Protein backbone atom coordinates (compact mmCIF):
# COMPACT_ATOMS: atom_id res chain seq x y z
CA UNK A 1 9.77 45.62 -34.56
CA UNK A 2 11.38 46.40 -38.07
CA UNK A 3 14.53 48.01 -39.71
CA UNK A 4 15.53 48.71 -43.14
CA UNK A 5 18.51 49.12 -45.64
CA UNK A 6 18.15 50.76 -48.94
CA UNK A 7 18.14 47.62 -50.88
CA UNK A 8 16.94 45.32 -48.11
CA UNK A 9 14.00 45.70 -45.99
CA UNK A 10 13.84 43.62 -43.02
CA UNK A 11 10.87 43.41 -40.84
CA UNK A 12 10.43 40.92 -37.93
CA UNK A 13 7.03 39.68 -37.24
CA UNK A 14 5.62 37.30 -34.45
CA UNK A 15 7.42 34.28 -34.99
CA UNK A 16 9.23 34.92 -38.35
CA UNK A 17 11.18 37.69 -40.19
CA UNK A 18 10.88 38.79 -43.74
CA UNK A 19 13.77 39.85 -45.96
CA UNK A 20 12.52 41.86 -48.97
CA UNK A 21 14.88 42.46 -51.92
CA UNK A 22 14.24 46.23 -52.42
CA UNK A 23 16.10 47.48 -55.70
CA UNK A 24 13.30 47.55 -58.31
CA UNK A 25 15.37 49.73 -60.66
CA UNK A 26 17.66 47.04 -60.99
CA UNK A 27 15.23 44.36 -61.07
CA UNK A 28 16.66 43.35 -57.76
CA UNK A 29 19.94 42.58 -59.02
CA UNK A 30 22.27 41.71 -56.09
CA UNK A 31 25.59 43.34 -55.22
CA UNK A 32 28.10 43.31 -52.55
CA UNK A 33 26.08 45.69 -50.28
CA UNK A 34 22.72 43.87 -50.49
CA UNK A 35 24.89 40.29 -49.88
CA UNK A 36 26.16 41.88 -46.53
CA UNK A 37 22.76 43.38 -45.74
CA UNK A 38 21.04 39.70 -46.10
CA UNK A 39 23.75 37.87 -44.34
CA UNK A 40 23.64 40.38 -41.19
CA UNK A 41 19.66 39.93 -41.10
CA UNK A 42 19.99 36.23 -41.35
CA UNK A 43 22.88 36.22 -38.80
CA UNK A 44 20.45 38.46 -36.57
CA UNK A 45 17.43 36.18 -37.05
CA UNK A 46 19.28 33.05 -36.13
CA UNK A 47 20.16 34.67 -32.69
CA UNK A 48 16.92 36.22 -32.01
CA UNK A 49 14.31 33.91 -30.18
CA UNK A 50 11.52 35.86 -31.58
CA UNK A 51 12.56 34.81 -35.05
CA UNK A 52 11.69 31.31 -35.68
CA UNK A 53 11.72 31.38 -39.38
CA UNK A 54 13.25 33.25 -42.33
CA UNK A 55 11.22 34.44 -45.40
CA UNK A 56 12.88 35.76 -48.72
CA UNK A 57 10.81 38.05 -50.76
CA UNK A 58 11.06 40.12 -54.00
CA UNK A 59 8.96 42.82 -55.70
CA UNK A 60 6.03 42.70 -57.76
CA UNK A 61 6.78 41.01 -60.77
CA UNK A 62 10.60 40.35 -60.04
CA UNK A 63 12.20 38.20 -57.29
CA UNK A 64 15.69 38.80 -58.48
CA UNK A 65 17.60 39.27 -61.81
CA UNK A 66 20.59 37.48 -60.26
CA UNK A 67 23.92 39.01 -59.69
CA UNK A 68 24.58 42.80 -60.83
CA UNK A 69 26.75 42.13 -63.73
CA UNK A 70 27.45 45.66 -64.19
CA UNK A 71 29.35 45.61 -60.65
CA UNK A 72 30.80 42.18 -61.51
CA UNK A 73 32.39 43.29 -64.45
CA UNK A 74 34.31 46.05 -62.97
CA UNK A 75 35.51 44.22 -59.71
CA UNK A 76 38.80 42.81 -59.19
CA UNK A 77 38.42 39.32 -59.71
CA UNK A 78 42.04 38.40 -59.34
CA UNK A 79 41.31 38.28 -55.50
CA UNK A 80 38.76 35.74 -56.26
CA UNK A 81 34.82 35.69 -55.64
CA UNK A 82 33.87 38.94 -53.48
CA UNK A 83 33.58 38.00 -50.07
CA UNK A 84 30.03 39.33 -49.23
CA UNK A 85 28.99 36.83 -51.92
CA UNK A 86 30.95 33.69 -50.46
CA UNK A 87 29.83 34.76 -46.87
CA UNK A 88 26.19 35.00 -47.63
CA UNK A 89 26.15 31.76 -49.59
CA UNK A 90 27.93 29.91 -46.44
CA UNK A 91 25.41 31.67 -44.39
CA UNK A 92 22.35 30.18 -46.05
CA UNK A 93 23.87 26.61 -46.10
CA UNK A 94 24.50 26.83 -42.50
CA UNK A 95 21.13 28.07 -41.29
CA UNK A 96 19.74 26.40 -38.27
CA UNK A 97 16.08 27.83 -38.86
CA UNK A 98 13.90 27.32 -41.80
CA UNK A 99 14.47 29.16 -44.86
CA UNK A 100 11.25 30.40 -46.98
CA UNK A 101 10.97 32.23 -50.17
CA UNK A 102 8.00 33.90 -51.91
CA UNK A 103 8.75 34.29 -55.60
CA UNK A 104 6.66 36.45 -58.25
CA UNK A 105 7.79 36.90 -61.93
CA UNK A 106 11.46 36.94 -62.86
CA UNK A 107 13.88 34.59 -60.95
CA UNK A 108 17.35 34.35 -62.62
CA UNK A 109 20.90 33.25 -61.68
CA UNK A 110 21.15 33.39 -57.89
CA UNK A 111 17.71 34.03 -57.40
CA UNK A 112 16.85 30.66 -58.66
CA UNK A 113 19.85 28.69 -57.16
CA UNK A 114 19.50 30.26 -53.55
CA UNK A 115 15.98 28.25 -53.87
CA UNK A 116 17.82 25.27 -53.51
CA UNK A 117 18.54 26.18 -50.06
CA UNK A 118 15.11 26.87 -49.25
CA UNK A 119 12.83 24.66 -47.05
CA UNK A 120 9.49 25.94 -48.62
CA UNK A 121 8.88 27.97 -52.05
CA UNK A 122 5.58 29.60 -52.78
CA UNK A 123 5.75 30.86 -56.43
CA UNK A 124 3.20 32.88 -58.51
CA UNK A 125 1.79 31.02 -61.68
CA UNK A 126 3.50 33.85 -64.16
CA UNK A 127 7.10 33.08 -62.57
CA UNK A 128 9.72 32.07 -64.62
CA UNK A 129 13.08 30.62 -63.59
CA UNK A 130 16.61 30.66 -65.38
CA UNK A 131 20.33 30.16 -64.44
CA UNK A 132 22.09 31.22 -67.46
CA UNK A 133 25.68 31.04 -66.18
CA UNK A 134 27.32 29.09 -68.88
CA UNK A 135 25.76 31.63 -71.37
CA UNK A 136 27.92 34.16 -69.23
CA UNK A 137 31.14 32.21 -69.73
CA UNK A 138 30.82 31.18 -65.98
CA UNK A 139 29.81 28.02 -64.09
CA UNK A 140 26.80 27.30 -61.40
CA UNK A 141 27.23 28.87 -57.91
CA UNK A 142 25.53 28.31 -54.69
CA UNK A 143 26.21 24.49 -54.44
CA UNK A 144 23.61 24.33 -57.47
CA UNK A 145 25.90 21.88 -59.23
CA UNK A 146 25.38 19.39 -56.18
CA UNK A 147 22.01 20.23 -55.04
CA UNK A 148 20.43 20.67 -58.30
CA UNK A 149 21.09 16.93 -59.33
CA UNK A 150 20.20 15.63 -55.99
CA UNK A 151 16.52 17.54 -56.29
CA UNK A 152 15.66 17.14 -60.04
CA UNK A 153 17.82 14.61 -61.42
CA UNK A 154 20.68 14.93 -63.57
CA UNK A 155 18.90 15.59 -67.05
CA UNK A 156 16.83 18.69 -65.29
CA UNK A 157 19.59 19.99 -63.76
CA UNK A 158 21.99 19.87 -66.84
CA UNK A 159 18.81 21.60 -68.39
CA UNK A 160 18.65 24.29 -65.88
CA UNK A 161 22.34 24.72 -65.34
CA UNK A 162 24.16 23.97 -68.60
CA UNK A 163 21.24 24.54 -71.14
CA UNK A 164 20.32 27.40 -69.55
CA UNK A 165 16.62 26.52 -69.90
CA UNK A 166 13.83 28.70 -68.71
CA UNK A 167 11.40 27.05 -66.28
CA UNK A 168 7.87 28.28 -66.11
CA UNK A 169 6.20 28.04 -62.69
CA UNK A 170 4.76 24.56 -63.31
CA UNK A 171 7.94 22.98 -64.68
CA UNK A 172 9.68 24.62 -61.40
CA UNK A 173 7.16 22.96 -59.10
CA UNK A 174 7.32 19.41 -61.11
CA UNK A 175 10.87 19.24 -60.61
CA UNK A 176 10.96 20.36 -56.88
CA UNK A 177 12.26 24.07 -56.85
CA UNK A 178 8.64 25.01 -55.78
CA UNK A 179 6.47 23.72 -53.44
CA UNK A 180 3.13 25.32 -54.31
CA UNK A 181 1.67 27.83 -56.84
CA UNK A 182 -0.60 30.59 -56.30
CA UNK A 183 -1.58 33.98 -57.93
CA UNK A 184 0.72 36.72 -57.82
CA UNK A 185 -1.06 38.82 -55.47
CA UNK A 186 -1.32 36.08 -52.86
CA UNK A 187 2.23 35.06 -53.05
CA UNK A 188 3.30 37.07 -49.87
CA UNK A 189 0.47 36.47 -47.55
CA UNK A 190 0.60 32.56 -48.59
CA UNK A 191 4.25 32.21 -47.69
CA UNK A 192 3.73 34.32 -44.49
CA UNK A 193 1.00 31.91 -43.53
CA UNK A 194 3.51 28.78 -44.03
CA UNK A 195 6.19 31.07 -42.04
CA UNK A 196 3.33 31.42 -39.06
CA UNK A 197 2.32 27.53 -39.22
CA UNK A 198 6.04 26.38 -39.03
CA UNK A 199 7.05 29.23 -36.07
CA UNK A 200 3.94 27.94 -33.94
CA UNK A 201 5.22 24.31 -34.03
CA UNK A 202 7.38 22.79 -31.30
CA UNK A 203 10.76 24.46 -32.11
CA UNK A 204 13.28 21.86 -30.95
CA UNK A 205 11.35 19.34 -32.93
CA UNK A 206 11.41 21.35 -35.97
CA UNK A 207 14.96 22.30 -35.88
CA UNK A 208 15.85 18.63 -35.22
CA UNK A 209 13.82 17.52 -37.85
CA UNK A 210 14.99 20.10 -40.25
CA UNK A 211 18.58 19.10 -39.56
CA UNK A 212 18.02 15.39 -40.03
CA UNK A 213 16.38 16.04 -43.41
CA UNK A 214 19.38 18.38 -44.64
CA UNK A 215 22.16 16.42 -43.22
CA UNK A 216 25.80 17.47 -42.71
CA UNK A 217 26.15 20.60 -44.45
CA UNK A 218 29.95 20.14 -45.19
CA UNK A 219 29.64 18.84 -48.57
CA UNK A 220 27.55 21.72 -49.76
CA UNK A 221 29.97 24.27 -47.92
CA UNK A 222 32.78 22.63 -49.81
CA UNK A 223 31.01 22.94 -53.10
CA UNK A 224 30.36 26.37 -52.69
CA UNK A 225 33.90 27.01 -52.29
CA UNK A 226 35.18 24.86 -55.37
CA UNK A 227 32.38 26.45 -57.39
CA UNK A 228 33.56 29.71 -56.59
CA UNK A 229 37.33 29.14 -57.52
CA UNK A 230 36.10 28.15 -60.71
CA UNK A 231 33.42 31.13 -60.86
CA UNK A 232 36.35 33.59 -60.23
CA UNK A 233 38.45 31.82 -62.68
CA UNK A 234 36.08 32.09 -65.53
CA UNK A 235 35.02 35.80 -64.60
CA UNK A 236 38.78 36.43 -65.89
CA UNK A 237 38.22 34.53 -69.03
CA UNK A 238 38.16 35.76 -72.53
CA UNK A 239 34.71 34.12 -73.10
CA UNK A 240 33.19 35.60 -70.12
CA UNK A 241 34.37 39.31 -70.72
CA UNK A 242 32.98 38.83 -74.01
CA UNK A 243 29.81 37.48 -72.89
CA UNK A 244 29.62 40.41 -70.24
CA UNK A 245 30.13 42.88 -72.99
CA UNK A 246 27.44 41.55 -75.05
CA UNK A 247 24.94 41.48 -72.19
CA UNK A 248 26.00 45.19 -70.92
CA UNK A 249 25.73 46.47 -74.58
CA UNK A 250 22.44 44.55 -75.13
CA UNK A 251 23.86 42.86 -78.16
CA UNK A 252 22.67 39.32 -78.91
CA UNK A 253 24.97 36.61 -78.47
CA UNK A 254 26.90 34.91 -81.37
CA UNK A 255 27.48 31.36 -81.86
């Protein structure tokens, strides 16, 4: 069983579903339509007894370049962060079934921060992860300001989210963003093997164990909302407008 969306390809296999970002011309940059399609697929998978695990995938050489900044720059941010974004973030924070990701190559912005919500991540050795929110005059999102310090400590979280440092695959594994590394051509097969292994386990025990590990999502949901307010506020700021203009015009940032 499978169905598709122009920018999101969803395939339901025995025990798990794969959600593949399919916008190579934009390096899998996410827009509202993609967020809505991802949310719909995750909700459908949560309700489908055949789906016991969710798997996120990208293209060869690029997982995601993050948000579509061209779309962000023309949006009406007086209404706050667009609803599809928040709906997607709250959806992944509230999932009951395991969420896995297979990452190859470029992984920027929300491409990186959504990994904080994943239970298992396989990445290629050529992967690079960045979260350059401050460089764009913005603040972290997806509850990363809460989850990253929990996972990797304050120093590494500051390096990722404030300095905007680039983490190679080894660094990402060392700080816990990635569970295992493999060659690029093996990422998809390896993460699907992990998904199948999880899907074969006693499901009630698996879901209860995951819930115990993750705890009450209330603080994560609250942080998503508080970050979103500041994110929307910053998007309307002069410094964000200037940073977006530099990015969209491919001009180097000034001190």
